[in-house]
Structure formats: structure tokens, C-alpha cells
């Protein structure tokens, strides 16, 4: 199935760089990173989170690059598998085709998940539903979803201002998240 997903061209005509699905999956994965869409650098390399966002995410998780890219430990399933393009304010929102066509089948393969990290507003809307909560409200209520799901802001450097405005994120949530990740991966 993964080969079929990587060959997908469903929305190719809408993508500025064409289709190049970028994801990481293995049925043994224990942690799922449910993201939004690959960035330009991930599109170019074919490696998810192969950019500053990935570096920050690995720091948040207290995880080495080797562990992060071990598909038997970490699954990375974005809402949209291909780079959607950019706008004046950053990357455009993820396209909806991937989630509609592939997510249910791929999620059914992940039988050993112990933790799902839901990054950014688009992934959160998909995984938590449209609750009317803002990203900040949802992330602040992370204990509600603990210990199996954790909403997080996107680790993009564009979110530096959000992180500075919400010091509780680094003081309260991140230490608990690192501890949970460590428990799972031992």
C-alpha cells in the first residue's frame, strides 16, 4: 500500500512542484506524528520534516534523528502528502484529497500506536473535529487528550511568536511530552 501511496498523482495538476508524496509508515510504529503537509525542503529531499521544523520537533520530543526516522518507531502521516505551494503568509493549506482517499486505510495499518501527536490547526481540525476551539485553546487543554493524543502547534519557525506568547507550552507541556515519548520508546 505504501508503494501505491508514493505513486499517487491524484492532485498533481494542483501542485506547483508536482506530486511527490512524503510520509513514513510501518505497522509496528508506536508514535504517530499527524502533520499538515511536507514543506519545500521535504519535497526536495523526499524526507519528512527535513527542515528547521523537523529539527525543532525532534528537540521538543527529546529524540535523535536516527530514532525519529525509524519507521518501526515513528509514523509520519501528514494531511496532504505533497508540498501544496506557498502564499504570502507561508505554505498554503494542505489539500484534502490525500486524507479523503488514503488516511482511513493507512491508519488501519497502525495497530501498535501508543501516542499520536497532532501538529497544527489543519491536522487538529481533522483529528479532533471542528470544535470551535482555537489552536491555542486546544493545545492548552492537552491534558484532556493525555496520554494517547497530544495537540501541538506546528514546529515551524514561523510560530516563534506563538511560542514566546505561550511560555506554559515549554514549561508544562514539553517536559511531560518528552517523558511520555521516552516511556514509549524504552
C-alpha atoms as a PDB file:
ATOM      1  CA  UNK A   1       0.000   0.000   0.000  1.00  0.00           C
ATOM      2  CA  UNK A   2       2.846   2.393   0.782  1.00  0.00           C
ATOM      3  CA  UNK A   3       4.211   1.972  -2.756  1.00  0.00           C
ATOM      4  CA  UNK A   4       0.752   2.778  -4.106  1.00  0.00           C
ATOM      5  CA  UNK A   5       0.539   5.929  -1.952  1.00  0.00           C
ATOM      6  CA  UNK A   6       4.012   7.043  -3.022  1.00  0.00           C
ATOM      7  CA  UNK A   7       2.938   6.689  -6.670  1.00  0.00           C
ATOM      8  CA  UNK A   8      -0.239   8.757  -6.114  1.00  0.00           C
ATOM      9  CA  UNK A   9      -0.888  11.618  -8.539  1.00  0.00           C
ATOM     10  CA  UNK A  10      -4.495  12.441  -7.582  1.00  0.00           C
ATOM     11  CA  UNK A  11      -3.924  16.169  -7.140  1.00  0.00           C
ATOM     12  CA  UNK A  12      -0.790  16.609  -9.267  1.00  0.00           C
ATOM     13  CA  UNK A  13      -2.350  19.246 -11.533  1.00  0.00           C
ATOM     14  CA  UNK A  14      -2.933  21.471  -8.469  1.00  0.00           C
ATOM     15  CA  UNK A  15       0.605  21.262  -7.103  1.00  0.00           C
ATOM     16  CA  UNK A  16       3.235  23.818  -8.127  1.00  0.00           C
ATOM     17  CA  UNK A  17       6.060  21.242  -7.991  1.00  0.00           C
ATOM     18  CA  UNK A  18       4.050  18.193  -8.997  1.00  0.00           C
ATOM     19  CA  UNK A  19       3.320  15.206  -6.815  1.00  0.00           C
ATOM     20  CA  UNK A  20       5.926  13.647  -4.549  1.00  0.00           C
ATOM     21  CA  UNK A  21       4.194  12.009  -1.589  1.00  0.00           C
ATOM     22  CA  UNK A  22       6.306  12.288   1.559  1.00  0.00           C
ATOM     23  CA  UNK A  23       5.358  10.126   4.546  1.00  0.00           C
ATOM     24  CA  UNK A  24       6.785   7.450   6.826  1.00  0.00           C
ATOM     25  CA  UNK A  25       4.807   4.408   7.912  1.00  0.00           C
ATOM     26  CA  UNK A  26       5.280   0.944   9.335  1.00  0.00           C
ATOM     27  CA  UNK A  27       2.680  -1.235  11.092  1.00  0.00           C
ATOM     28  CA  UNK A  28       4.959  -1.539  14.168  1.00  0.00           C
ATOM     29  CA  UNK A  29       5.158   2.240  14.736  1.00  0.00           C
ATOM     30  CA  UNK A  30       4.410   3.309  18.314  1.00  0.00           C
ATOM     31  CA  UNK A  31       4.145   7.069  17.796  1.00  0.00           C
ATOM     32  CA  UNK A  32       2.230   8.828  15.036  1.00  0.00           C
ATOM     33  CA  UNK A  33       3.092  12.350  14.005  1.00  0.00           C
ATOM     34  CA  UNK A  34      -0.029  13.660  12.308  1.00  0.00           C
ATOM     35  CA  UNK A  35       1.131  16.727  10.433  1.00  0.00           C
ATOM     36  CA  UNK A  36      -0.206  19.095   7.814  1.00  0.00           C
ATOM     37  CA  UNK A  37       1.845  18.782   4.602  1.00  0.00           C
ATOM     38  CA  UNK A  38       5.506  18.480   3.650  1.00  0.00           C
ATOM     39  CA  UNK A  39       7.399  21.720   3.221  1.00  0.00           C
ATOM     40  CA  UNK A  40       9.510  22.637   0.222  1.00  0.00           C
ATOM     41  CA  UNK A  41      12.709  21.110   1.641  1.00  0.00           C
ATOM     42  CA  UNK A  42      10.922  17.851   2.487  1.00  0.00           C
ATOM     43  CA  UNK A  43       9.529  17.789  -1.049  1.00  0.00           C
ATOM     44  CA  UNK A  44      13.010  18.265  -2.484  1.00  0.00           C
ATOM     45  CA  UNK A  45      14.618  15.569  -0.317  1.00  0.00           C
ATOM     46  CA  UNK A  46      11.668  13.171  -0.029  1.00  0.00           C
ATOM     47  CA  UNK A  47      12.288  13.037   3.753  1.00  0.00           C
ATOM     48  CA  UNK A  48       9.503  14.262   6.093  1.00  0.00           C
ATOM     49  CA  UNK A  49      10.421  17.145   8.395  1.00  0.00           C
ATOM     50  CA  UNK A  50      13.803  17.522   6.706  1.00  0.00           C
ATOM     51  CA  UNK A  51      13.984  21.188   7.682  1.00  0.00           C
ATOM     52  CA  UNK A  52      14.016  23.605  10.624  1.00  0.00           C
ATOM     53  CA  UNK A  53      10.536  22.413  11.663  1.00  0.00           C
ATOM     54  CA  UNK A  54      11.842  18.861  11.952  1.00  0.00           C
ATOM     55  CA  UNK A  55      14.832  19.960  13.985  1.00  0.00           C
ATOM     56  CA  UNK A  56      12.570  21.808  16.413  1.00  0.00           C
ATOM     57  CA  UNK A  57      10.125  18.883  16.579  1.00  0.00           C
ATOM     58  CA  UNK A  58      12.930  16.461  17.428  1.00  0.00           C
ATOM     59  CA  UNK A  59      14.088  18.865  20.166  1.00  0.00           C
ATOM     60  CA  UNK A  60      10.534  19.041  21.530  1.00  0.00           C
ATOM     61  CA  UNK A  61      10.429  15.233  21.646  1.00  0.00           C
ATOM     62  CA  UNK A  62      13.952  14.796  23.019  1.00  0.00           C
ATOM     63  CA  UNK A  63      14.607  12.483  20.091  1.00  0.00           C
ATOM     64  CA  UNK A  64      17.617  11.825  17.903  1.00  0.00           C
ATOM     65  CA  UNK A  65      17.385  11.989  14.134  1.00  0.00           C
ATOM     66  CA  UNK A  66      18.029   8.222  13.961  1.00  0.00           C
ATOM     67  CA  UNK A  67      15.080   7.405  16.226  1.00  0.00           C
ATOM     68  CA  UNK A  68      12.824   9.963  14.508  1.00  0.00           C
ATOM     69  CA  UNK A  69      13.426   8.385  11.110  1.00  0.00           C
ATOM     70  CA  UNK A  70      12.972   4.785  12.278  1.00  0.00           C
ATOM     71  CA  UNK A  71       9.595   3.873  10.731  1.00  0.00           C
ATOM     72  CA  UNK A  72       9.179   0.949  13.144  1.00  0.00           C
ATOM     73  CA  UNK A  73       9.034   3.524  15.946  1.00  0.00           C
ATOM     74  CA  UNK A  74       7.697   6.708  14.362  1.00  0.00           C
ATOM     75  CA  UNK A  75       4.979   7.042  11.710  1.00  0.00           C
ATOM     76  CA  UNK A  76       4.626  10.399   9.955  1.00  0.00           C
ATOM     77  CA  UNK A  77       1.292  10.875   8.246  1.00  0.00           C
ATOM     78  CA  UNK A  78       0.500  14.394   7.034  1.00  0.00           C
ATOM     79  CA  UNK A  79      -2.959  15.550   5.974  1.00  0.00           C
ATOM     80  CA  UNK A  80      -1.600  16.115   2.484  1.00  0.00           C
ATOM     81  CA  UNK A  81       1.335  14.042   1.269  1.00  0.00           C
ATOM     82  CA  UNK A  82       2.714  16.565  -1.231  1.00  0.00           C
ATOM     83  CA  UNK A  83       4.017  20.121  -0.922  1.00  0.00           C
ATOM     84  CA  UNK A  84       0.966  22.357  -1.543  1.00  0.00           C
ATOM     85  CA  UNK A  85       2.825  25.538  -2.501  1.00  0.00           C
ATOM     86  CA  UNK A  86       3.367  28.880  -0.817  1.00  0.00           C
ATOM     87  CA  UNK A  87       1.452  32.083  -0.272  1.00  0.00           C
ATOM     88  CA  UNK A  88       2.463  35.456   1.164  1.00  0.00           C
ATOM     89  CA  UNK A  89       1.993  34.139   4.718  1.00  0.00           C
ATOM     90  CA  UNK A  90       3.695  30.731   4.325  1.00  0.00           C
ATOM     91  CA  UNK A  91       2.709  27.399   2.848  1.00  0.00           C
ATOM     92  CA  UNK A  92      -0.840  27.132   1.542  1.00  0.00           C
ATOM     93  CA  UNK A  93      -3.213  24.833   3.446  1.00  0.00           C
ATOM     94  CA  UNK A  94      -2.888  21.101   2.816  1.00  0.00           C
ATOM     95  CA  UNK A  95      -5.029  19.714   0.026  1.00  0.00           C
ATOM     96  CA  UNK A  96      -7.903  17.483   1.125  1.00  0.00           C
ATOM     97  CA  UNK A  97      -7.568  14.660  -1.406  1.00  0.00           C
ATOM     98  CA  UNK A  98      -4.959  12.623   0.490  1.00  0.00           C
ATOM     99  CA  UNK A  99      -6.909  12.427   3.727  1.00  0.00           C
ATOM    100  CA  UNK A 100     -10.112  11.531   1.894  1.00  0.00           C
ATOM    101  CA  UNK A 101      -8.529   8.797  -0.225  1.00  0.00           C
ATOM    102  CA  UNK A 102      -5.767   7.330   1.938  1.00  0.00           C
ATOM    103  CA  UNK A 103      -5.995   8.118   5.659  1.00  0.00           C
ATOM    104  CA  UNK A 104      -8.547   5.525   6.740  1.00  0.00           C
ATOM    105  CA  UNK A 105      -6.630   2.705   5.019  1.00  0.00           C
ATOM    106  CA  UNK A 106      -3.252   3.833   6.353  1.00  0.00           C
ATOM    107  CA  UNK A 107      -4.472   4.422   9.905  1.00  0.00           C
ATOM    108  CA  UNK A 108      -5.932   0.892   9.917  1.00  0.00           C
ATOM    109  CA  UNK A 109      -2.376  -0.422   9.429  1.00  0.00           C
ATOM    110  CA  UNK A 110      -1.096   1.300  12.578  1.00  0.00           C
ATOM    111  CA  UNK A 111      -2.091  -1.267  15.217  1.00  0.00           C
ATOM    112  CA  UNK A 112       0.625  -0.537  17.794  1.00  0.00           C
ATOM    113  CA  UNK A 113       0.199   3.197  18.301  1.00  0.00           C
ATOM    114  CA  UNK A 114       0.556   4.444  21.852  1.00  0.00           C
ATOM    115  CA  UNK A 115       0.725   8.169  21.110  1.00  0.00           C
ATOM    116  CA  UNK A 116      -0.489  10.496  18.374  1.00  0.00           C
ATOM    117  CA  UNK A 117       0.948  13.996  18.118  1.00  0.00           C
ATOM    118  CA  UNK A 118      -1.343  16.287  16.153  1.00  0.00           C
ATOM    119  CA  UNK A 119       0.568  19.241  14.688  1.00  0.00           C
ATOM    120  CA  UNK A 120      -1.083  22.448  13.590  1.00  0.00           C
ATOM    121  CA  UNK A 121      -4.604  23.673  13.053  1.00  0.00           C
ATOM    122  CA  UNK A 122      -5.437  21.680   9.892  1.00  0.00           C
ATOM    123  CA  UNK A 123      -4.381  18.335  11.343  1.00  0.00           C
ATOM    124  CA  UNK A 124      -6.174  19.172  14.585  1.00  0.00           C
ATOM    125  CA  UNK A 125      -9.406  20.006  12.744  1.00  0.00           C
ATOM    126  CA  UNK A 126      -9.213  16.598  11.066  1.00  0.00           C
ATOM    127  CA  UNK A 127      -8.312  14.545  14.152  1.00  0.00           C
ATOM    128  CA  UNK A 128     -10.339  16.406  16.800  1.00  0.00           C
ATOM    129  CA  UNK A 129     -13.137  17.744  14.607  1.00  0.00           C
ATOM    130  CA  UNK A 130     -14.211  21.334  14.218  1.00  0.00           C
ATOM    131  CA  UNK A 131     -14.817  22.110  17.888  1.00  0.00           C
ATOM    132  CA  UNK A 132     -14.749  25.887  17.630  1.00  0.00           C
ATOM    133  CA  UNK A 133     -11.606  25.896  19.763  1.00  0.00           C
ATOM    134  CA  UNK A 134      -8.590  27.813  18.613  1.00  0.00           C
ATOM    135  CA  UNK A 135      -5.260  26.061  18.271  1.00  0.00           C
ATOM    136  CA  UNK A 136      -4.096  27.775  21.461  1.00  0.00           C
ATOM    137  CA  UNK A 137      -7.170  26.634  23.416  1.00  0.00           C
ATOM    138  CA  UNK A 138      -6.774  23.091  22.163  1.00  0.00           C
ATOM    139  CA  UNK A 139      -3.052  22.927  22.970  1.00  0.00           C
ATOM    140  CA  UNK A 140      -3.704  24.476  26.401  1.00  0.00           C
ATOM    141  CA  UNK A 141      -6.153  21.652  27.097  1.00  0.00           C
ATOM    142  CA  UNK A 142      -3.578  18.969  26.217  1.00  0.00           C
ATOM    143  CA  UNK A 143      -4.236  17.117  29.485  1.00  0.00           C
ATOM    144  CA  UNK A 144      -7.763  16.369  28.222  1.00  0.00           C
ATOM    145  CA  UNK A 145      -6.299  14.161  25.491  1.00  0.00           C
ATOM    146  CA  UNK A 146      -3.424  12.722  27.554  1.00  0.00           C
ATOM    147  CA  UNK A 147      -1.826  10.170  27.348  1.00  0.00           C
ATOM    148  CA  UNK A 148      -2.824   8.971  23.856  1.00  0.00           C
ATOM    149  CA  UNK A 149      -3.153  12.162  21.828  1.00  0.00           C
ATOM    150  CA  UNK A 150      -1.439  15.496  22.215  1.00  0.00           C
ATOM    151  CA  UNK A 151      -2.257  18.601  20.174  1.00  0.00           C
ATOM    152  CA  UNK A 152       0.799  20.718  19.401  1.00  0.00           C
ATOM    153  CA  UNK A 153       1.419  23.890  17.424  1.00  0.00           C
ATOM    154  CA  UNK A 154       3.271  23.381  14.194  1.00  0.00           C
ATOM    155  CA  UNK A 155       7.028  23.445  14.967  1.00  0.00           C
ATOM    156  CA  UNK A 156       7.705  25.910  12.153  1.00  0.00           C
ATOM    157  CA  UNK A 157       9.995  28.862  12.911  1.00  0.00           C
ATOM    158  CA  UNK A 158       7.026  30.975  11.768  1.00  0.00           C
ATOM    159  CA  UNK A 159       5.468  30.066  15.134  1.00  0.00           C
ATOM    160  CA  UNK A 160       8.249  31.624  17.236  1.00  0.00           C
ATOM    161  CA  UNK A 161       5.870  34.425  18.243  1.00  0.00           C
ATOM    162  CA  UNK A 162       3.225  31.898  19.419  1.00  0.00           C
ATOM    163  CA  UNK A 163       5.824  30.051  21.493  1.00  0.00           C
ATOM    164  CA  UNK A 164       7.020  33.304  23.117  1.00  0.00           C
ATOM    165  CA  UNK A 165       3.410  34.336  23.903  1.00  0.00           C
ATOM    166  CA  UNK A 166       2.660  30.935  25.473  1.00  0.00           C
ATOM    167  CA  UNK A 167       5.526  30.142  27.879  1.00  0.00           C
ATOM    168  CA  UNK A 168       3.444  27.396  29.573  1.00  0.00           C
ATOM    169  CA  UNK A 169       3.988  25.329  26.413  1.00  0.00           C
ATOM    170  CA  UNK A 170       7.718  24.884  27.040  1.00  0.00           C
ATOM    171  CA  UNK A 171       7.404  24.882  30.852  1.00  0.00           C
ATOM    172  CA  UNK A 172       4.493  22.433  31.287  1.00  0.00           C
ATOM    173  CA  UNK A 173       3.723  20.519  28.120  1.00  0.00           C
ATOM    174  CA  UNK A 174       7.143  19.776  26.637  1.00  0.00           C
ATOM    175  CA  UNK A 175       8.680  18.132  29.731  1.00  0.00           C
ATOM    176  CA  UNK A 176       5.609  15.865  30.047  1.00  0.00           C
ATOM    177  CA  UNK A 177       5.744  15.102  26.331  1.00  0.00           C
ATOM    178  CA  UNK A 178       9.438  14.150  26.461  1.00  0.00           C
ATOM    179  CA  UNK A 179       8.787  11.877  29.430  1.00  0.00           C
ATOM    180  CA  UNK A 180       5.869  10.173  27.654  1.00  0.00           C
ATOM    181  CA  UNK A 181       7.912   9.670  24.473  1.00  0.00           C
ATOM    182  CA  UNK A 182      10.772   8.213  26.494  1.00  0.00           C
ATOM    183  CA  UNK A 183       8.407   5.769  28.261  1.00  0.00           C
ATOM    184  CA  UNK A 184       7.048   4.544  24.938  1.00  0.00           C
ATOM    185  CA  UNK A 185      10.400   4.116  23.225  1.00  0.00           C
ATOM    186  CA  UNK A 186      12.123   2.228  26.060  1.00  0.00           C
END
